[in-house]
Amino acid sequence: MEFFILIKGESYENIGFLLFSLVFAVAGVYSTKLFSVLLPFLTCTFFITQKGWQNFKFDLPYLAIFFVLFLGISALSVLSASHEKVALRSFYSLSMTLVFSYIFLVSILKAKPDVILLVYKTLITIGLFLASLLVYQSIVDTFHLGFLERPSHLLKPTGSVLGLLGFVTCAFVWTKDRKVIALFSFILMGLLIKMTICQTAIYAFILSSIFFFISYLAPFWVTRISMVSSFVLLLLNPVLYAYIIRPMELINMSYYSWFLNNSFFHRLLIWEYFSHKFFEKPLLGWGLGSSRYIYDKPKVVGGFSNVIHPHKGVLQAYVELGLFGGILFSLFVAFLFWVVEKYVKDRLSVAVCNATILFGLLLADTTHNLWRNYYLSLCVIAAGMVILFIKDREGLQPAATGHLKQAPIPA
């Protein structure tokens, strides 16, 4: 019933958002690379419909500074890269993604109430399609039903999609006076993430859910502490994994044996290896996209092969971009919490922002390649949906000012 209520309206509009929701769901389950196309598509759509060529303004100057610094450090790393073609290809790809990301987020800031309503309807529809496709594919894979069967690990990226968009979607439903449906959707999201068999997404969902409730209870202090602690921990990552945490020593301790499963222990070995690699070329790094080419042996230790990237975003920034790249990445994560603490004043909005940031950070810092377009694009789309949710909350509570302030524009 909820679905049919949502799609009332102009037929062409409904057909458009239904098709887009279906494509988004297909991308989430079957081809995550489609997100690299969906971000430019959404950017162009918002830019054209809001006549961005006439009144485009740099409403997010701090974000622009970070993006320019990232591109500048990336360009410097290309000069010292051992594989120039790989570095250049990664640099061009990153440049286009950051440009579209910035235009998309600036356009989102100018969205009107009718756009917010359409996005709400689209998020609900995406959730229905995504859940249906995930359940269908899981049944096919479990019971070996026909030619559509695939290896189960191919569903793992779906966990990232569910977690990044799940908190804001459930919050949207909650604010529309459908609290029972919101709670049911939240529980369903956890079960769907479990079905993806992506352990990092499951752990990230649990931790982010706890973080959500803590942020709701004490929004200011939790956000402020998260800003400082995230910066310090990310900044010290190379030292932590190169000289403090010793995986081979931990594996011999019975107290930790239950925690160090094969997958996590493999990650610890990789993080230690890449941390030492950073200290070999600490200034400019090994070059953008060079992680897969800097191995001096086929295996880290016996039984654990090398991987094509560190599976840890901050270490990848350190190794490939050098000291300044790692510092900039750490500052950027702290900057996200600073934006929430400074510009978002509503408890529910703060909780949604913090939970989404933490989930995205945990996945970036344990699973994804930092420069993969599809994951960067998905994170930017999720950020845009969170901004629209905050704007919607601002409209619902006009007496409470300061829910979403645009960053000051330099003279």
Protein backbone atom coordinates (compact mmCIF):
# COMPACT_ATOMS: atom_id res chain seq x y z
CA MET A 1 0.00 0.00 0.00
CA GLU A 2 2.83 2.38 0.92
CA PHE A 3 4.40 1.88 -2.49
CA PHE A 4 1.21 2.72 -4.41
CA ILE A 5 0.60 5.82 -2.30
CA LEU A 6 4.08 7.07 -3.11
CA ILE A 7 3.79 6.77 -6.87
CA LYS A 8 0.68 8.93 -7.22
CA GLY A 9 1.39 11.93 -9.41
CA GLU A 10 2.40 12.72 -12.95
CA SER A 11 2.87 9.55 -15.00
CA TYR A 12 6.08 10.66 -16.74
CA GLU A 13 7.65 11.61 -13.44
CA ASN A 14 6.67 8.28 -11.92
CA ILE A 15 8.04 6.30 -14.86
CA GLY A 16 11.30 8.23 -14.60
CA PHE A 17 11.91 7.69 -10.91
CA LEU A 18 10.77 4.04 -11.13
CA LEU A 19 13.27 3.35 -13.91
CA PHE A 20 16.02 5.18 -12.07
CA SER A 21 15.24 3.28 -8.85
CA LEU A 22 15.37 0.00 -10.73
CA VAL A 23 18.72 0.87 -12.34
CA PHE A 24 20.08 1.92 -8.95
CA ALA A 25 18.97 -1.38 -7.40
CA VAL A 26 20.46 -3.38 -10.27
CA ALA A 27 23.73 -1.48 -9.78
CA GLY A 28 23.66 -2.29 -6.08
CA VAL A 29 23.21 -6.03 -6.58
CA TYR A 30 24.68 -6.88 -9.98
CA SER A 31 27.07 -4.16 -11.18
CA THR A 32 28.43 -1.63 -8.71
CA LYS A 33 30.46 -0.02 -11.49
CA LEU A 34 27.21 1.57 -12.67
CA PHE A 35 27.51 4.02 -9.77
CA SER A 36 30.39 5.62 -11.66
CA VAL A 37 27.83 6.51 -14.34
CA LEU A 38 24.94 7.34 -12.01
CA LEU A 39 26.84 10.14 -10.27
CA PRO A 40 27.51 12.14 -13.49
CA PHE A 41 23.92 11.44 -14.57
CA LEU A 42 22.49 12.81 -11.33
CA THR A 43 24.90 15.75 -11.39
CA CYS A 44 23.86 16.75 -14.91
CA THR A 45 20.18 16.29 -14.02
CA PHE A 46 20.37 18.59 -10.98
CA PHE A 47 22.61 21.07 -12.80
CA ILE A 48 20.25 21.37 -15.77
CA THR A 49 16.97 21.43 -13.85
CA GLN A 50 18.27 24.12 -11.49
CA LYS A 51 19.87 26.13 -14.29
CA GLY A 52 23.29 25.84 -12.76
CA TRP A 53 24.96 27.52 -15.73
CA GLN A 54 23.18 30.75 -14.78
CA ASN A 55 23.61 30.94 -11.02
CA PHE A 56 26.25 28.41 -10.01
CA LYS A 57 28.14 29.54 -6.91
CA PHE A 58 30.92 28.01 -4.87
CA ASP A 59 28.73 27.37 -1.85
CA LEU A 60 31.09 24.75 -0.41
CA PRO A 61 34.50 26.47 -0.39
CA TYR A 62 36.03 24.23 2.31
CA LEU A 63 35.12 21.13 0.35
CA ALA A 64 36.59 22.68 -2.81
CA ILE A 65 39.85 23.34 -0.95
CA PHE A 66 40.08 19.70 0.13
CA PHE A 67 39.38 18.46 -3.39
CA VAL A 68 41.99 20.79 -4.91
CA LEU A 69 44.57 19.69 -2.33
CA PHE A 70 43.82 16.03 -3.04
CA LEU A 71 44.29 16.60 -6.76
CA GLY A 72 47.47 18.62 -6.18
CA ILE A 73 49.07 15.94 -4.01
CA SER A 74 47.92 13.26 -6.46
CA ALA A 75 49.55 15.15 -9.33
CA LEU A 76 52.82 15.35 -7.39
CA SER A 77 52.68 11.62 -6.70
CA VAL A 78 52.35 10.97 -10.44
CA LEU A 79 55.75 12.58 -10.98
CA SER A 80 57.45 10.05 -8.71
CA ALA A 81 55.30 7.05 -9.62
CA SER A 82 57.07 3.91 -10.79
CA HIS A 83 54.10 3.17 -13.10
CA GLU A 84 53.26 6.47 -14.75
CA LYS A 85 50.46 5.16 -16.98
CA VAL A 86 48.62 3.63 -14.03
CA ALA A 87 49.11 6.81 -11.98
CA LEU A 88 47.90 9.05 -14.81
CA ARG A 89 44.84 6.89 -15.43
CA SER A 90 43.99 6.95 -11.73
CA PHE A 91 44.56 10.72 -11.61
CA TYR A 92 42.22 11.44 -14.53
CA SER A 93 39.56 9.17 -13.06
CA LEU A 94 39.87 10.77 -9.61
CA SER A 95 39.76 14.28 -11.10
CA MET A 96 36.51 13.66 -12.96
CA THR A 97 34.91 12.02 -9.93
CA LEU A 98 35.81 14.92 -7.63
CA VAL A 99 34.58 17.52 -10.14
CA PHE A 100 31.21 15.80 -10.54
CA SER A 101 31.03 15.26 -6.77
CA TYR A 102 31.48 18.94 -6.03
CA ILE A 103 28.91 20.09 -8.60
CA PHE A 104 26.46 17.45 -7.37
CA LEU A 105 26.71 18.51 -3.72
CA VAL A 106 26.47 22.23 -4.54
CA SER A 107 23.38 21.53 -6.65
CA ILE A 108 21.85 19.47 -3.82
CA LEU A 109 22.15 22.46 -1.48
CA LYS A 110 19.76 24.40 -3.73
CA ALA A 111 17.14 21.66 -3.94
CA LYS A 112 13.53 22.73 -3.44
CA PRO A 113 10.83 20.88 -1.43
CA ASP A 114 9.43 19.13 -4.51
CA VAL A 115 12.89 17.68 -5.22
CA ILE A 116 13.17 16.47 -1.62
CA LEU A 117 9.79 14.73 -1.88
CA LEU A 118 10.84 13.06 -5.13
CA VAL A 119 14.11 11.88 -3.55
CA TYR A 120 12.16 10.46 -0.60
CA LYS A 121 9.92 8.52 -2.97
CA THR A 122 12.96 7.33 -4.90
CA LEU A 123 14.78 6.11 -1.77
CA ILE A 124 11.73 4.08 -0.72
CA THR A 125 11.43 2.57 -4.18
CA ILE A 126 15.15 1.81 -4.35
CA GLY A 127 14.85 0.03 -1.00
CA LEU A 128 11.98 -2.14 -2.26
CA PHE A 129 13.76 -3.07 -5.50
CA LEU A 130 17.09 -3.62 -3.76
CA ALA A 131 15.60 -5.89 -1.11
CA SER A 132 13.66 -7.88 -3.71
CA LEU A 133 16.69 -8.41 -5.97
CA LEU A 134 18.93 -9.33 -3.05
CA VAL A 135 16.48 -11.89 -1.65
CA TYR A 136 15.89 -13.34 -5.11
CA GLN A 137 19.59 -13.69 -5.87
CA SER A 138 20.32 -15.17 -2.44
CA ILE A 139 17.66 -17.84 -2.97
CA VAL A 140 19.04 -18.65 -6.42
CA ASP A 141 22.59 -18.94 -5.07
CA THR A 142 21.59 -20.97 -2.00
CA PHE A 143 19.46 -23.55 -3.79
CA HIS A 144 21.47 -23.58 -7.06
CA LEU A 145 18.52 -22.57 -9.21
CA GLY A 146 19.51 -22.32 -12.83
CA PHE A 147 21.83 -20.16 -14.90
CA LEU A 148 21.42 -17.02 -12.73
CA GLU A 149 23.42 -18.59 -9.91
CA ARG A 150 26.59 -16.67 -9.02
CA PRO A 151 29.37 -16.96 -6.42
CA SER A 152 28.01 -15.66 -3.11
CA HIS A 153 30.89 -13.22 -2.59
CA LEU A 154 29.60 -11.10 -5.49
CA LEU A 155 26.80 -9.88 -3.20
CA LYS A 156 29.26 -8.36 -0.71
CA PRO A 157 29.31 -4.83 -2.26
CA THR A 158 25.54 -4.69 -1.73
CA GLY A 159 26.26 -4.42 1.98
CA SER A 160 27.97 -1.09 1.35
CA VAL A 161 24.97 0.22 -0.60
CA LEU A 162 22.52 -0.83 2.10
CA GLY A 163 24.54 0.66 4.94
CA LEU A 164 25.34 3.98 3.29
CA LEU A 165 21.75 4.68 2.26
CA GLY A 166 19.95 2.77 5.00
CA PHE A 167 20.19 5.21 7.91
CA VAL A 168 18.98 8.21 5.93
CA THR A 169 16.16 6.20 4.31
CA CYS A 170 14.87 4.90 7.65
CA ALA A 171 15.12 8.41 9.11
CA PHE A 172 13.14 9.81 6.17
CA VAL A 173 10.40 7.24 6.80
CA TRP A 174 10.44 8.01 10.53
CA THR A 175 9.88 11.73 9.99
CA LYS A 176 6.89 11.02 7.72
CA ASP A 177 4.96 9.64 10.73
CA ARG A 178 5.52 6.05 9.69
CA LYS A 179 7.56 5.01 12.75
CA VAL A 180 6.51 1.35 12.74
CA ILE A 181 7.56 1.01 9.10
CA ALA A 182 10.83 2.81 9.90
CA LEU A 183 11.67 0.38 12.70
CA PHE A 184 10.73 -2.59 10.53
CA SER A 185 12.89 -1.21 7.70
CA PHE A 186 15.85 -0.78 10.07
CA ILE A 187 15.60 -4.39 11.26
CA LEU A 188 15.16 -5.55 7.67
CA MET A 189 18.27 -3.62 6.64
CA GLY A 190 20.32 -5.52 9.20
CA LEU A 191 18.98 -8.85 7.94
CA LEU A 192 19.67 -7.91 4.33
CA ILE A 193 23.26 -6.90 5.15
CA LYS A 194 23.62 -10.27 6.87
CA MET A 195 22.46 -11.95 3.64
CA THR A 196 25.29 -10.31 1.70
CA ILE A 197 27.75 -12.32 3.86
CA CYS A 198 30.00 -9.25 3.96
CA GLN A 199 31.47 -9.46 7.46
CA THR A 200 32.90 -5.94 7.43
CA ALA A 201 29.49 -4.52 6.43
CA ILE A 202 27.81 -6.49 9.23
CA TYR A 203 30.26 -5.25 11.87
CA ALA A 204 30.09 -1.71 10.46
CA PHE A 205 26.28 -1.79 10.63
CA ILE A 206 26.32 -2.90 14.27
CA LEU A 207 28.88 -0.28 15.30
CA SER A 208 27.17 2.46 13.29
CA SER A 209 23.80 1.59 14.84
CA ILE A 210 25.28 1.92 18.33
CA PHE A 211 26.94 5.16 17.23
CA PHE A 212 23.59 6.39 15.93
CA PHE A 213 21.88 6.02 19.31
CA ILE A 214 24.81 7.50 21.23
CA SER A 215 24.90 10.46 18.84
CA TYR A 216 21.19 11.01 19.34
CA LEU A 217 21.59 11.09 23.12
CA ALA A 218 24.65 13.38 23.18
CA PRO A 219 25.03 14.91 19.71
CA PHE A 220 27.51 17.67 20.54
CA TRP A 221 29.99 15.72 22.65
CA VAL A 222 29.93 12.57 20.51
CA THR A 223 30.55 14.55 17.33
CA ARG A 224 33.32 16.64 18.89
CA ILE A 225 35.07 13.59 20.37
CA SER A 226 34.70 11.73 17.05
CA MET A 227 36.30 14.63 15.20
CA VAL A 228 39.40 14.65 17.41
CA SER A 229 39.76 10.88 17.93
CA SER A 230 39.30 9.99 14.25
CA PHE A 231 42.00 12.48 13.24
CA VAL A 232 44.49 11.19 15.82
CA LEU A 233 43.87 7.49 15.11
CA LEU A 234 44.02 7.86 11.33
CA LEU A 235 47.11 10.04 11.55
CA LEU A 236 49.00 7.42 13.59
CA ASN A 237 47.99 4.42 11.48
CA PRO A 238 51.41 3.74 9.86
CA VAL A 239 53.18 3.82 13.24
CA LEU A 240 50.43 1.74 14.84
CA TYR A 241 50.57 -1.12 12.34
CA ALA A 242 54.30 -1.03 11.63
CA TYR A 243 55.67 -0.94 15.19
CA ILE A 244 52.93 -1.45 17.78
CA ILE A 245 50.49 -4.11 16.52
CA ARG A 246 52.45 -7.23 15.59
CA PRO A 247 50.15 -9.74 13.87
CA MET A 248 52.46 -12.73 14.24
CA GLU A 249 52.68 -12.15 17.97
CA LEU A 250 48.91 -11.70 18.34
CA ILE A 251 48.14 -14.99 16.61
CA ASN A 252 50.00 -16.89 19.35
CA MET A 253 47.91 -15.37 22.13
CA SER A 254 44.94 -17.57 23.01
CA TYR A 255 43.00 -14.56 24.28
CA TYR A 256 42.90 -13.05 20.77
CA SER A 257 42.57 -16.25 18.74
CA TRP A 258 38.75 -16.07 18.57
CA PHE A 259 38.94 -12.53 17.19
CA LEU A 260 41.69 -13.04 14.64
CA ASN A 261 39.77 -14.99 12.03
CA ASN A 262 41.45 -15.75 8.74
CA SER A 263 40.10 -12.68 6.91
CA PHE A 264 40.90 -10.17 9.66
CA PHE A 265 44.34 -11.62 10.33
CA HIS A 266 45.09 -11.36 6.60
CA ARG A 267 44.18 -7.68 6.77
CA LEU A 268 46.47 -7.13 9.74
CA LEU A 269 49.35 -8.67 7.80
CA ILE A 270 48.60 -6.46 4.79
CA TRP A 271 48.36 -3.32 6.93
CA GLU A 272 51.70 -4.09 8.54
CA TYR A 273 53.29 -4.69 5.15
CA PHE A 274 52.00 -1.45 3.62
CA SER A 275 52.94 0.54 6.72
CA HIS A 276 56.55 -0.52 6.29
CA LYS A 277 56.29 0.32 2.60
CA PHE A 278 55.20 3.85 3.50
CA PHE A 279 58.32 4.37 5.59
CA GLU A 280 60.45 3.37 2.59
CA LYS A 281 59.15 6.40 0.60
CA PRO A 282 57.46 8.65 3.15
CA LEU A 283 57.56 12.01 1.37
CA LEU A 284 55.82 11.60 -2.00
CA GLY A 285 54.81 7.96 -1.74
CA TRP A 286 54.88 5.30 -4.43
CA GLY A 287 52.42 7.04 -6.74
CA LEU A 288 48.68 7.02 -7.27
CA GLY A 289 47.34 3.51 -7.94
CA SER A 290 50.71 1.87 -7.30
CA SER A 291 49.68 -0.45 -4.45
CA ARG A 292 49.38 -3.54 -6.61
CA TYR A 293 52.89 -3.11 -8.04
CA ILE A 294 55.08 -2.62 -4.98
CA TYR A 295 55.29 -6.21 -3.76
CA ASP A 296 58.71 -7.81 -3.53
CA LYS A 297 57.34 -11.32 -2.94
CA PRO A 298 54.15 -13.17 -3.94
CA LYS A 299 52.96 -13.76 -0.37
CA VAL A 300 53.04 -11.74 2.82
CA VAL A 301 53.60 -14.94 4.82
CA GLY A 302 52.90 -18.57 4.07
CA GLY A 303 49.27 -19.11 3.18
CA PHE A 304 48.45 -15.40 2.87
CA SER A 305 48.84 -13.89 -0.59
CA ASN A 306 49.35 -10.23 -1.39
CA VAL A 307 46.35 -8.15 -2.44
CA ILE A 308 45.91 -5.40 -5.03
CA HIS A 309 45.31 -2.61 -2.49
CA PRO A 310 45.77 -2.20 1.29
CA HIS A 311 42.07 -2.58 2.17
CA LYS A 312 42.56 0.46 4.38
CA GLY A 313 41.90 3.92 3.00
CA VAL A 314 44.24 5.94 5.18
CA LEU A 315 47.15 3.55 4.61
CA GLN A 316 46.53 3.67 0.87
CA ALA A 317 46.67 7.47 1.05
CA TYR A 318 49.95 7.29 2.99
CA VAL A 319 51.55 4.69 0.72
CA GLU A 320 50.50 6.16 -2.62
CA LEU A 321 50.43 9.91 -1.85
CA GLY A 322 53.04 10.11 0.89
CA LEU A 323 52.98 11.87 4.24
CA PHE A 324 50.88 14.83 3.08
CA GLY A 325 48.32 12.52 1.47
CA GLY A 326 47.83 10.59 4.71
CA ILE A 327 47.56 13.78 6.75
CA LEU A 328 45.06 15.24 4.29
CA PHE A 329 42.91 12.09 4.40
CA SER A 330 42.90 12.20 8.21
CA LEU A 331 41.99 15.89 8.16
CA PHE A 332 39.18 15.25 5.70
CA VAL A 333 37.50 12.67 7.96
CA ALA A 334 37.82 15.06 10.91
CA PHE A 335 36.44 17.82 8.67
CA LEU A 336 33.27 15.78 8.03
CA PHE A 337 32.59 15.54 11.77
CA TRP A 338 33.43 19.23 12.13
CA VAL A 339 30.78 20.11 9.52
CA VAL A 340 28.20 18.05 11.41
CA GLU A 341 29.12 19.64 14.75
CA LYS A 342 29.09 23.19 13.36
CA TYR A 343 26.16 23.21 10.93
CA VAL A 344 23.76 20.41 11.94
CA LYS A 345 21.82 21.08 15.14
CA ASP A 346 18.90 18.65 15.02
CA ARG A 347 19.47 15.48 17.10
CA LEU A 348 18.10 13.05 14.53
CA SER A 349 20.02 14.71 11.71
CA VAL A 350 23.27 14.58 13.69
CA ALA A 351 22.70 10.89 14.45
CA VAL A 352 22.05 10.11 10.77
CA CYS A 353 25.14 12.05 9.68
CA ASN A 354 27.44 10.43 12.24
CA ALA A 355 26.20 6.89 11.58
CA THR A 356 26.57 7.32 7.81
CA ILE A 357 30.07 8.80 8.14
CA LEU A 358 31.18 6.00 10.46
CA PHE A 359 29.76 3.28 8.20
CA GLY A 360 31.42 4.77 5.12
CA LEU A 361 34.73 5.18 6.95
CA LEU A 362 34.73 1.62 8.31
CA LEU A 363 34.07 0.19 4.85
CA ALA A 364 36.69 2.45 3.25
CA ASP A 365 39.16 1.54 5.97
CA THR A 366 38.67 -2.23 5.85
CA THR A 367 37.36 -3.21 2.41
CA HIS A 368 37.33 -0.82 -0.53
CA ASN A 369 40.01 0.58 -2.78
CA LEU A 370 40.20 4.27 -1.89
CA TRP A 371 40.22 5.48 -5.50
CA ARG A 372 37.53 3.17 -6.90
CA ASN A 373 35.02 5.38 -8.71
CA TYR A 374 31.98 3.34 -7.82
CA TYR A 375 32.56 3.59 -4.06
CA LEU A 376 33.48 7.28 -4.15
CA SER A 377 30.38 7.93 -6.26
CA LEU A 378 28.18 5.94 -3.88
CA CYS A 379 29.54 7.88 -0.88
CA VAL A 380 28.84 11.20 -2.62
CA ILE A 381 25.29 10.14 -3.53
CA ALA A 382 24.73 9.09 0.09
CA ALA A 383 26.07 12.47 1.27
CA GLY A 384 23.63 14.21 -1.07
CA MET A 385 20.72 12.22 0.33
CA VAL A 386 21.76 13.13 3.89
CA ILE A 387 21.87 16.84 2.94
CA LEU A 388 18.36 16.59 1.50
CA PHE A 389 17.16 14.90 4.69
CA ILE A 390 18.60 17.76 6.77
CA LYS A 391 16.89 20.29 4.51
CA ASP A 392 13.63 18.38 4.94
CA ARG A 393 14.03 18.46 8.73
CA GLU A 394 14.65 22.18 8.50
CA GLY A 395 11.36 22.57 6.64
CA LEU A 396 9.48 20.47 9.18
CA GLN A 397 10.87 22.50 12.09
CA PRO A 398 11.01 26.11 10.88
CA ALA A 399 11.31 27.44 14.43
CA ALA A 400 14.62 25.67 14.97
CA THR A 401 17.24 27.60 13.05
CA GLY A 402 20.68 26.51 12.06
CA HIS A 403 19.86 22.98 10.92
CA LEU A 404 21.85 23.40 7.73
CA LYS A 405 23.86 26.51 7.14
CA GLN A 406 25.77 26.99 3.96
CA ALA A 407 29.47 27.45 4.51
CA PRO A 408 30.54 31.12 4.25
CA ILE A 409 31.62 32.15 0.78
CA PRO A 410 35.04 33.83 0.62
CA ALA A 411 35.07 37.41 -0.62
